[in-house]
Amino acid sequence: MAVFRRFLPLFLCVAVASACDQAPTGPPATMVNLATVQSGPQLQAKTLDGAIARQPRKASLYARRATFSLDAGQIAPALADIDQALALDDSPGEFYFIKARALRAQNRLEATLSAATEASKRGFSSPELNLLVGETHLAARHHQAALDHLDRALQQEPELVAALFYKGLAHAALTDTAQALDYLRASLARDPRQPEILHQLAFLSNANRRPTAAAVYATRGLRLAPTNGSLWYDYGRQHELQSRPDSALRAYTRAVALDTTLYRADYRLGLAAFKKRRYADALPHLQRALRRAPRLPGGRQMVAESFEALGRSAEAVAQYRILVAENPGNKHWTYRTWKAGERARQLRGDTVRRPSRQAIAPLPERALPTLR
């Protein structure tokens, strides 16, 4: 299953049913490189140093060392070597494929696709090339293009686990849940000990309100990878969907302890604390979640109201102003900004208000939307 692990990305979410589990709009995820824990490829690359010193004009030696460096997780040396190989001989399509792999490892999506196109033009054809192009299109959210290339990879190698896995993610992003689950299950059947497949199955099951199925996948995944934060999040989410909040919070806490980038776990912890009016506890979780996903449902509002409840009016005003900017024309947030500003001035002891060019007229308060 080396091909699967080589191209496995850090996709931590797929298309979902609820707003708080939607895919982030930030930059695409980068690929996982499990080869960095192995010394074999590094040693293999070292053995070529002498050969290159003796034959510095032999392009294939640089290309081979680039491949070993890639497998060892040494991306910059690999890219330098493959560029040198291409400078000596730019005719082999395989050289461009190696360069595409290195560029993808640096998360340079357009450059990856360009190098892959050059590889194809020069006659290089393999399941791995189509897999790489398909995965790169998926990372760029070009879902149909991803499916086209993944289909080509499967035509060349029908049992290619990674292609089945990525087809599952592409169909999930297109909200075709049935197809997504079919392809993810097919990939799991061929690689039953792959935690990332189990995570995606659990995540998608939770997102579509199937917590019983999610519990099976998450539990199975945690037996294989007990320190996988994403699986702990999945495990907590199925508890929450089955009205077991204490168990859910314990799992979310574990998830964040293992991986501080899991903003969904932080969001759930912050939301639970906010509902219990534990505003000081809610704030760090919500703020960390918003740094990674600024449009989480109700997240900014809860941060602003937590600051207000803690008497930190100036900080509340800053958050309300962001809400005004994000929701132009929304008079409710304009009013809340004005009200929090008034409170901040009172706390500072201001008795005379300075006139402003655009005075904000207070509006009657209205009930806030109910948070899910």
Foldseek 3Di string as FASTA:
>chain_A
DVLQLLFAWPQLAFAFQDQLRHGFPDAFTAHDQPLLVPCVLVVVLVVLPVVCVVVVLQLVSLQSSLVSCVNNVNLVSSLVSLVSSCVNPVQALVSLQSNLSSVRNVVNLVSSVVSLVSSVVSPDDALSSLLSNLSSCVSVVVLVSSLVSLVVSCVRPVLPLNSLQSPLRSCRNVVVNVSNLVSLVSSCVSVVLDLVSLLHNLNHCLSVLNLVRSCVSLVSSCVNPVLALSSLQSNLSSCVSVVNNVSSLVSLVSSCVSPVLPLSSLQVQLVVCVVVVVLVRNQVSLVSSCVRHVPRVCSLVSNLVSCVVVVNLVVSLVSLVVVCVVPPPPLQSLQVNVVSVVSVCVVVVDDDDDDDPDDRDHDDHDDDDDDD
